[in-house]
Amino acid sequence: MSDAALRMIGMALRAGRLEVGDEAAGDACRLKRCRLLLAASDAGEAAQRRAAHFAEEGQCLLAELPCSRAALGAALGRKSCAMAAVTDLGLAQAIVQKLAQEEPEKFGEMAQRLRLKAERAAQRREKTAQERKQRGDGKRPPVRYKKKK
């Protein structure tokens, strides 16, 4: 696995957009905040089953990283880490693009799906911005109180 992808994962942690560990990643998936669930390649069988369950429950993508728990943990400043959840769509897309550059057959489709999700999210933001603009920026007129005599 390239250092670029691990650096992006570390950047997500520093930005506060990464939930590290089984419980935190599971909570992020249950709350539907997870955009990409990362699992180390040498994670135990039970951890891989839990990751698949979390990804299905949270309706997010699951990426099995081509690195060990120790390498993923080192990128996050820990001894080891088997599972992490990226909660930002842009960072998730950047991580998968870095992975797809190395292994396009494994991560190419995932990168395409995240690109499509990002485009849809941008369209929704644009639509809501136009609606706000039509309403007058969503500002209400100031409330005028009567003075007491």
N, C-alpha and C. Protein backbone atom coordinates (compact mmCIF):
# COMPACT_ATOMS: atom_id res chain seq x y z
N MET A 1 0.85 -1.18 0.00
CA MET A 1 0.00 0.00 0.00
C MET A 1 0.89 1.23 0.00
N SER A 2 0.48 2.22 -0.74
CA SER A 2 1.31 3.42 -0.87
C SER A 2 1.23 4.28 0.38
N ASP A 3 2.27 5.06 0.57
CA ASP A 3 2.29 5.99 1.69
C ASP A 3 1.27 7.10 1.47
N ALA A 4 0.93 7.41 0.22
CA ALA A 4 -0.02 8.49 -0.06
C ALA A 4 -1.39 8.17 0.52
N ALA A 5 -1.85 6.94 0.37
CA ALA A 5 -3.15 6.56 0.92
C ALA A 5 -3.13 6.59 2.44
N LEU A 6 -2.04 6.10 3.03
CA LEU A 6 -1.93 6.13 4.49
C LEU A 6 -1.86 7.56 5.01
N ARG A 7 -1.19 8.43 4.26
CA ARG A 7 -1.13 9.85 4.66
C ARG A 7 -2.52 10.48 4.60
N MET A 8 -3.31 10.13 3.59
CA MET A 8 -4.68 10.65 3.49
C MET A 8 -5.52 10.17 4.66
N ILE A 9 -5.33 8.93 5.07
CA ILE A 9 -6.06 8.39 6.22
C ILE A 9 -5.65 9.14 7.49
N GLY A 10 -4.35 9.40 7.64
CA GLY A 10 -3.88 10.19 8.78
C GLY A 10 -4.42 11.61 8.76
N MET A 11 -4.54 12.18 7.56
CA MET A 11 -5.10 13.52 7.43
C MET A 11 -6.57 13.54 7.85
N ALA A 12 -7.29 12.49 7.51
CA ALA A 12 -8.70 12.39 7.91
C ALA A 12 -8.81 12.34 9.43
N LEU A 13 -7.88 11.66 10.09
CA LEU A 13 -7.87 11.61 11.54
C LEU A 13 -7.61 12.99 12.13
N ARG A 14 -6.62 13.69 11.59
CA ARG A 14 -6.29 15.02 12.11
C ARG A 14 -7.41 16.02 11.85
N ALA A 15 -8.18 15.80 10.78
CA ALA A 15 -9.30 16.68 10.47
C ALA A 15 -10.53 16.34 11.30
N GLY A 16 -10.48 15.26 12.05
CA GLY A 16 -11.63 14.86 12.86
C GLY A 16 -12.70 14.16 12.06
N ARG A 17 -12.33 13.61 10.92
CA ARG A 17 -13.29 12.94 10.03
C ARG A 17 -13.05 11.44 9.95
N LEU A 18 -12.42 10.87 10.99
CA LEU A 18 -12.13 9.45 11.01
C LEU A 18 -12.47 8.90 12.39
N GLU A 19 -13.27 7.85 12.42
CA GLU A 19 -13.58 7.15 13.66
C GLU A 19 -12.73 5.89 13.69
N VAL A 20 -11.92 5.73 14.72
CA VAL A 20 -10.94 4.65 14.78
C VAL A 20 -11.38 3.59 15.77
N GLY A 21 -11.32 2.34 15.35
CA GLY A 21 -11.66 1.22 16.22
C GLY A 21 -13.02 0.63 15.88
N ASP A 22 -13.25 -0.58 16.37
CA ASP A 22 -14.48 -1.30 16.06
C ASP A 22 -15.72 -0.58 16.57
N GLU A 23 -15.70 -0.17 17.83
CA GLU A 23 -16.89 0.44 18.42
C GLU A 23 -17.20 1.80 17.80
N ALA A 24 -16.20 2.63 17.65
CA ALA A 24 -16.42 3.96 17.07
C ALA A 24 -16.86 3.86 15.62
N ALA A 25 -16.26 2.96 14.86
CA ALA A 25 -16.65 2.77 13.46
C ALA A 25 -18.06 2.21 13.37
N GLY A 26 -18.39 1.29 14.26
CA GLY A 26 -19.74 0.74 14.29
C GLY A 26 -20.78 1.79 14.61
N ASP A 27 -20.47 2.67 15.55
CA ASP A 27 -21.40 3.76 15.89
C ASP A 27 -21.59 4.70 14.71
N ALA A 28 -20.50 5.02 14.02
CA ALA A 28 -20.60 5.91 12.86
C ALA A 28 -21.46 5.28 11.77
N CYS A 29 -21.33 3.97 11.59
CA CYS A 29 -22.14 3.28 10.57
C CYS A 29 -23.61 3.25 10.99
N ARG A 30 -23.87 2.95 12.24
CA ARG A 30 -25.25 2.90 12.71
C ARG A 30 -25.94 4.24 12.58
N LEU A 31 -25.21 5.31 12.81
CA LEU A 31 -25.77 6.66 12.71
C LEU A 31 -25.78 7.18 11.28
N LYS A 32 -25.33 6.35 10.33
CA LYS A 32 -25.30 6.68 8.90
C LYS A 32 -24.40 7.88 8.60
N ARG A 33 -23.33 8.04 9.41
CA ARG A 33 -22.36 9.11 9.17
C ARG A 33 -21.16 8.59 8.39
N CYS A 34 -21.01 7.29 8.31
CA CYS A 34 -19.85 6.68 7.65
C CYS A 34 -20.02 6.73 6.14
N ARG A 35 -18.97 7.15 5.44
CA ARG A 35 -18.97 7.16 3.98
C ARG A 35 -18.11 6.02 3.43
N LEU A 36 -17.06 5.66 4.16
CA LEU A 36 -16.16 4.60 3.74
C LEU A 36 -15.64 3.90 4.98
N LEU A 37 -15.82 2.59 5.03
CA LEU A 37 -15.33 1.79 6.14
C LEU A 37 -14.05 1.10 5.69
N LEU A 38 -12.98 1.31 6.44
CA LEU A 38 -11.67 0.74 6.11
C LEU A 38 -11.38 -0.43 7.03
N ALA A 39 -10.91 -1.53 6.48
CA ALA A 39 -10.53 -2.70 7.28
C ALA A 39 -9.14 -3.16 6.84
N ALA A 40 -8.32 -3.50 7.81
CA ALA A 40 -6.98 -4.00 7.51
C ALA A 40 -7.07 -5.40 6.92
N SER A 41 -6.11 -5.74 6.07
CA SER A 41 -6.15 -7.04 5.39
C SER A 41 -5.93 -8.20 6.34
N ASP A 42 -5.19 -8.00 7.41
CA ASP A 42 -4.92 -9.10 8.34
C ASP A 42 -5.81 -9.04 9.58
N ALA A 43 -6.94 -8.33 9.48
CA ALA A 43 -7.88 -8.30 10.60
C ALA A 43 -8.45 -9.70 10.78
N GLY A 44 -8.83 -10.01 11.99
CA GLY A 44 -9.37 -11.34 12.28
C GLY A 44 -10.67 -11.60 11.54
N GLU A 45 -11.05 -12.86 11.50
CA GLU A 45 -12.27 -13.24 10.79
C GLU A 45 -13.49 -12.58 11.41
N ALA A 46 -13.54 -12.51 12.73
CA ALA A 46 -14.67 -11.88 13.41
C ALA A 46 -14.72 -10.39 13.09
N ALA A 47 -13.58 -9.73 13.05
CA ALA A 47 -13.54 -8.30 12.74
C ALA A 47 -13.98 -8.05 11.30
N GLN A 48 -13.62 -8.94 10.39
CA GLN A 48 -14.05 -8.77 9.00
C GLN A 48 -15.56 -8.97 8.86
N ARG A 49 -16.12 -9.93 9.60
CA ARG A 49 -17.57 -10.13 9.58
C ARG A 49 -18.28 -8.90 10.15
N ARG A 50 -17.74 -8.37 11.26
CA ARG A 50 -18.35 -7.17 11.86
C ARG A 50 -18.28 -5.99 10.90
N ALA A 51 -17.15 -5.84 10.21
CA ALA A 51 -17.00 -4.75 9.25
C ALA A 51 -18.01 -4.88 8.13
N ALA A 52 -18.21 -6.08 7.62
CA ALA A 52 -19.20 -6.29 6.55
C ALA A 52 -20.61 -5.97 7.06
N HIS A 53 -20.89 -6.37 8.29
CA HIS A 53 -22.21 -6.08 8.88
C HIS A 53 -22.40 -4.58 9.07
N PHE A 54 -21.36 -3.90 9.58
CA PHE A 54 -21.44 -2.45 9.78
C PHE A 54 -21.67 -1.73 8.45
N ALA A 55 -20.94 -2.14 7.41
CA ALA A 55 -21.07 -1.49 6.10
C ALA A 55 -22.47 -1.69 5.53
N GLU A 56 -23.01 -2.88 5.71
CA GLU A 56 -24.37 -3.14 5.22
C GLU A 56 -25.39 -2.32 6.00
N GLU A 57 -25.22 -2.27 7.32
CA GLU A 57 -26.15 -1.55 8.17
C GLU A 57 -26.10 -0.04 7.91
N GLY A 58 -24.90 0.48 7.69
CA GLY A 58 -24.73 1.91 7.48
C GLY A 58 -24.83 2.33 6.03
N GLN A 59 -25.04 1.38 5.13
CA GLN A 59 -25.14 1.64 3.70
C GLN A 59 -23.94 2.43 3.18
N CYS A 60 -22.75 1.96 3.56
CA CYS A 60 -21.52 2.60 3.11
C CYS A 60 -20.64 1.57 2.42
N LEU A 61 -19.58 2.03 1.82
CA LEU A 61 -18.65 1.15 1.11
C LEU A 61 -17.62 0.58 2.09
N LEU A 62 -17.24 -0.65 1.85
CA LEU A 62 -16.23 -1.32 2.67
C LEU A 62 -15.00 -1.55 1.82
N ALA A 63 -13.86 -1.03 2.26
CA ALA A 63 -12.60 -1.21 1.54
C ALA A 63 -11.64 -2.01 2.41
N GLU A 64 -11.21 -3.15 1.90
CA GLU A 64 -10.20 -3.93 2.60
C GLU A 64 -8.84 -3.42 2.13
N LEU A 65 -8.15 -2.75 3.02
CA LEU A 65 -6.87 -2.12 2.68
C LEU A 65 -5.78 -3.17 2.49
N PRO A 66 -4.89 -2.94 1.54
CA PRO A 66 -3.78 -3.87 1.34
C PRO A 66 -2.62 -3.57 2.29
N CYS A 67 -2.95 -3.44 3.57
CA CYS A 67 -1.91 -3.20 4.58
C CYS A 67 -2.31 -3.93 5.86
N SER A 68 -1.35 -4.08 6.74
CA SER A 68 -1.59 -4.80 7.98
C SER A 68 -2.18 -3.87 9.04
N ARG A 69 -2.64 -4.48 10.13
CA ARG A 69 -3.16 -3.69 11.25
C ARG A 69 -2.08 -2.78 11.82
N ALA A 70 -0.86 -3.28 11.85
CA ALA A 70 0.25 -2.49 12.40
C ALA A 70 0.54 -1.27 11.52
N ALA A 71 0.50 -1.44 10.19
CA ALA A 71 0.75 -0.32 9.28
C ALA A 71 -0.36 0.72 9.37
N LEU A 72 -1.61 0.26 9.45
CA LEU A 72 -2.73 1.19 9.59
C LEU A 72 -2.66 1.90 10.93
N GLY A 73 -2.33 1.17 11.97
CA GLY A 73 -2.19 1.77 13.29
C GLY A 73 -1.05 2.80 13.33
N ALA A 74 0.05 2.50 12.67
CA ALA A 74 1.18 3.43 12.64
C ALA A 74 0.79 4.73 11.94
N ALA A 75 -0.03 4.63 10.90
CA ALA A 75 -0.48 5.84 10.20
C ALA A 75 -1.40 6.68 11.07
N LEU A 76 -2.02 6.04 12.05
CA LEU A 76 -2.95 6.75 12.94
C LEU A 76 -2.35 7.05 14.30
N GLY A 77 -1.07 6.74 14.48
CA GLY A 77 -0.41 7.02 15.75
C GLY A 77 -0.79 6.04 16.85
N ARG A 78 -1.12 4.82 16.48
CA ARG A 78 -1.49 3.79 17.44
C ARG A 78 -0.64 2.55 17.22
N LYS A 79 -0.77 1.62 18.14
CA LYS A 79 -0.01 0.38 17.99
C LYS A 79 -0.57 -0.46 16.84
N SER A 80 -1.89 -0.62 16.81
CA SER A 80 -2.53 -1.34 15.71
C SER A 80 -3.97 -0.88 15.60
N CYS A 81 -4.53 -1.08 14.42
CA CYS A 81 -5.92 -0.69 14.16
C CYS A 81 -6.46 -1.62 13.08
N ALA A 82 -7.59 -2.26 13.34
CA ALA A 82 -8.18 -3.19 12.37
C ALA A 82 -9.27 -2.54 11.55
N MET A 83 -9.93 -1.49 12.09
CA MET A 83 -11.07 -0.92 11.41
C MET A 83 -11.16 0.59 11.69
N ALA A 84 -11.55 1.35 10.67
CA ALA A 84 -11.74 2.79 10.82
C ALA A 84 -12.83 3.23 9.85
N ALA A 85 -13.56 4.29 10.22
CA ALA A 85 -14.65 4.79 9.39
C ALA A 85 -14.38 6.24 9.01
N VAL A 86 -14.38 6.52 7.71
CA VAL A 86 -14.21 7.88 7.21
C VAL A 86 -15.60 8.50 7.11
N THR A 87 -15.79 9.67 7.72
CA THR A 87 -17.12 10.30 7.77
C THR A 87 -17.27 11.46 6.79
N ASP A 88 -16.23 11.78 6.05
CA ASP A 88 -16.30 12.87 5.08
C ASP A 88 -16.23 12.30 3.67
N LEU A 89 -17.16 12.70 2.82
CA LEU A 89 -17.24 12.15 1.47
C LEU A 89 -16.03 12.53 0.62
N GLY A 90 -15.56 13.75 0.72
CA GLY A 90 -14.40 14.18 -0.06
C GLY A 90 -13.13 13.43 0.32
N LEU A 91 -12.91 13.24 1.62
CA LEU A 91 -11.73 12.49 2.06
C LEU A 91 -11.84 11.02 1.68
N ALA A 92 -13.05 10.47 1.78
CA ALA A 92 -13.24 9.07 1.38
C ALA A 92 -12.93 8.90 -0.10
N GLN A 93 -13.38 9.85 -0.90
CA GLN A 93 -13.12 9.80 -2.34
C GLN A 93 -11.62 9.91 -2.62
N ALA A 94 -10.93 10.78 -1.92
CA ALA A 94 -9.48 10.96 -2.12
C ALA A 94 -8.72 9.69 -1.73
N ILE A 95 -9.11 9.05 -0.63
CA ILE A 95 -8.43 7.83 -0.19
C ILE A 95 -8.61 6.73 -1.22
N VAL A 96 -9.84 6.56 -1.71
CA VAL A 96 -10.10 5.50 -2.68
C VAL A 96 -9.41 5.79 -4.01
N GLN A 97 -9.30 7.05 -4.38
CA GLN A 97 -8.57 7.38 -5.62
C GLN A 97 -7.11 7.00 -5.50
N LYS A 98 -6.51 7.26 -4.34
CA LYS A 98 -5.11 6.88 -4.13
C LYS A 98 -4.96 5.35 -4.20
N LEU A 99 -5.92 4.63 -3.63
CA LEU A 99 -5.87 3.17 -3.68
C LEU A 99 -6.10 2.66 -5.10
N ALA A 100 -6.98 3.33 -5.85
CA ALA A 100 -7.29 2.91 -7.21
C ALA A 100 -6.11 3.14 -8.16
N GLN A 101 -5.27 4.10 -7.86
CA GLN A 101 -4.08 4.32 -8.68
C GLN A 101 -3.14 3.12 -8.60
N GLU A 102 -3.08 2.49 -7.45
CA GLU A 102 -2.22 1.32 -7.26
C GLU A 102 -2.87 0.04 -7.77
N GLU A 103 -4.14 -0.15 -7.40
CA GLU A 103 -4.86 -1.38 -7.75
C GLU A 103 -6.19 -1.03 -8.41
N PRO A 104 -6.17 -0.66 -9.68
CA PRO A 104 -7.42 -0.24 -10.34
C PRO A 104 -8.46 -1.34 -10.43
N GLU A 105 -8.05 -2.59 -10.55
CA GLU A 105 -9.02 -3.67 -10.67
C GLU A 105 -9.79 -3.89 -9.36
N LYS A 106 -9.16 -3.59 -8.23
CA LYS A 106 -9.79 -3.81 -6.94
C LYS A 106 -10.59 -2.59 -6.47
N PHE A 107 -10.06 -1.39 -6.69
CA PHE A 107 -10.68 -0.18 -6.15
C PHE A 107 -11.26 0.74 -7.21
N GLY A 108 -11.17 0.38 -8.49
CA GLY A 108 -11.67 1.24 -9.56
C GLY A 108 -13.16 1.48 -9.49
N GLU A 109 -13.93 0.41 -9.31
CA GLU A 109 -15.39 0.53 -9.23
C GLU A 109 -15.80 1.34 -8.00
N MET A 110 -15.11 1.13 -6.89
CA MET A 110 -15.42 1.86 -5.67
C MET A 110 -15.15 3.36 -5.86
N ALA A 111 -14.08 3.69 -6.56
CA ALA A 111 -13.77 5.10 -6.83
C ALA A 111 -14.85 5.71 -7.71
N GLN A 112 -15.34 4.95 -8.66
CA GLN A 112 -16.41 5.44 -9.54
C GLN A 112 -17.69 5.69 -8.75
N ARG A 113 -18.03 4.78 -7.84
CA ARG A 113 -19.25 4.94 -7.03
C ARG A 113 -19.15 6.16 -6.12
N LEU A 114 -17.97 6.37 -5.52
CA LEU A 114 -17.79 7.54 -4.65
C LEU A 114 -17.83 8.83 -5.46
N ARG A 115 -17.29 8.80 -6.68
CA ARG A 115 -17.35 9.98 -7.55
C ARG A 115 -18.80 10.33 -7.86
N LEU A 116 -19.62 9.31 -8.13
CA LEU A 116 -21.03 9.52 -8.41
C LEU A 116 -21.76 10.07 -7.19
N LYS A 117 -21.45 9.53 -6.00
CA LYS A 117 -22.05 10.04 -4.76
C LYS A 117 -21.70 11.51 -4.54
N ALA A 118 -20.44 11.86 -4.80
CA ALA A 118 -19.99 13.24 -4.61
C ALA A 118 -20.70 14.18 -5.59
N GLU A 119 -20.89 13.73 -6.83
CA GLU A 119 -21.61 14.56 -7.81
C GLU A 119 -23.05 14.78 -7.38
N ARG A 120 -23.70 13.74 -6.90
CA ARG A 120 -25.09 13.88 -6.43
C ARG A 120 -25.18 14.82 -5.24
N ALA A 121 -24.24 14.72 -4.33
CA ALA A 121 -24.24 15.61 -3.17
C ALA A 121 -24.04 17.06 -3.60
N ALA A 122 -23.18 17.29 -4.57
CA ALA A 122 -22.96 18.65 -5.07
C ALA A 122 -24.23 19.19 -5.74
N GLN A 123 -24.93 18.34 -6.47
CA GLN A 123 -26.19 18.77 -7.09
C GLN A 123 -27.23 19.12 -6.04
N ARG A 124 -27.30 18.33 -4.96
CA ARG A 124 -28.26 18.63 -3.89
C ARG A 124 -27.92 19.95 -3.21
N ARG A 125 -26.62 20.19 -2.97
CA ARG A 125 -26.22 21.46 -2.34
C ARG A 125 -26.57 22.64 -3.23
N GLU A 126 -26.33 22.49 -4.53
CA GLU A 126 -26.64 23.56 -5.47
C GLU A 126 -28.14 23.83 -5.51
N LYS A 127 -28.93 22.78 -5.50
CA LYS A 127 -30.39 22.93 -5.54
C LYS A 127 -30.90 23.65 -4.29
N THR A 128 -30.40 23.27 -3.11
CA THR A 128 -30.85 23.92 -1.89
C THR A 128 -30.38 25.38 -1.85
N ALA A 129 -29.19 25.66 -2.38
CA ALA A 129 -28.72 27.04 -2.42
C ALA A 129 -29.62 27.89 -3.32
N GLN A 130 -30.05 27.32 -4.46
CA GLN A 130 -30.96 28.06 -5.34
C GLN A 130 -32.30 28.29 -4.67
N GLU A 131 -32.81 27.30 -3.95
CA GLU A 131 -34.08 27.45 -3.25
C GLU A 131 -33.99 28.53 -2.19
N ARG A 132 -32.87 28.56 -1.46
CA ARG A 132 -32.67 29.59 -0.45
C ARG A 132 -32.63 30.98 -1.08
N LYS A 133 -31.95 31.05 -2.21
CA LYS A 133 -31.84 32.33 -2.90
C LYS A 133 -33.22 32.82 -3.35
N GLN A 134 -34.06 31.93 -3.83
CA GLN A 134 -35.41 32.30 -4.26
C GLN A 134 -36.27 32.74 -3.08
N ARG A 135 -36.03 32.16 -1.92
CA ARG A 135 -36.79 32.54 -0.72
C ARG A 135 -36.28 33.83 -0.11
N GLY A 136 -35.18 34.34 -0.59
CA GLY A 136 -34.60 35.54 0.00
C GLY A 136 -33.54 35.22 1.01
N ASP A 137 -32.69 34.27 0.69
CA ASP A 137 -31.56 33.83 1.53
C ASP A 137 -32.00 33.20 2.85
N GLY A 138 -33.27 32.88 2.94
CA GLY A 138 -33.75 32.19 4.13
C GLY A 138 -33.81 33.07 5.35
N LYS A 139 -33.69 34.37 5.18
CA LYS A 139 -33.72 35.27 6.32
C LYS A 139 -35.15 35.70 6.60
N ARG A 140 -35.48 35.70 7.84
CA ARG A 140 -36.80 36.17 8.22
C ARG A 140 -36.70 37.65 8.53
N PRO A 141 -37.79 38.36 8.37
CA PRO A 141 -37.75 39.78 8.74
C PRO A 141 -37.56 39.93 10.24
N PRO A 142 -36.92 41.00 10.67
CA PRO A 142 -36.69 41.18 12.11
C PRO A 142 -38.02 41.35 12.86
N VAL A 143 -38.04 40.87 14.07
CA VAL A 143 -39.23 41.00 14.91
C VAL A 143 -39.21 42.37 15.56
N ARG A 144 -40.31 43.08 15.45
CA ARG A 144 -40.41 44.40 16.08
C ARG A 144 -41.27 44.30 17.32
N TYR A 145 -40.69 44.62 18.44
CA TYR A 145 -41.40 44.55 19.69
C TYR A 145 -41.93 45.93 20.05
N LYS A 146 -43.07 45.95 20.67
CA LYS A 146 -43.63 47.21 21.12
C LYS A 146 -42.98 47.59 22.45
N LYS A 147 -42.69 48.87 22.59
CA LYS A 147 -42.07 49.31 23.82
C LYS A 147 -43.13 49.38 24.92
N LYS A 148 -42.73 49.02 26.10
CA LYS A 148 -43.63 49.11 27.25
C LYS A 148 -43.67 50.53 27.74
N LYS A 149 -44.84 50.96 28.16
CA LYS A 149 -44.99 52.33 28.66
C LYS A 149 -44.98 52.40 30.13
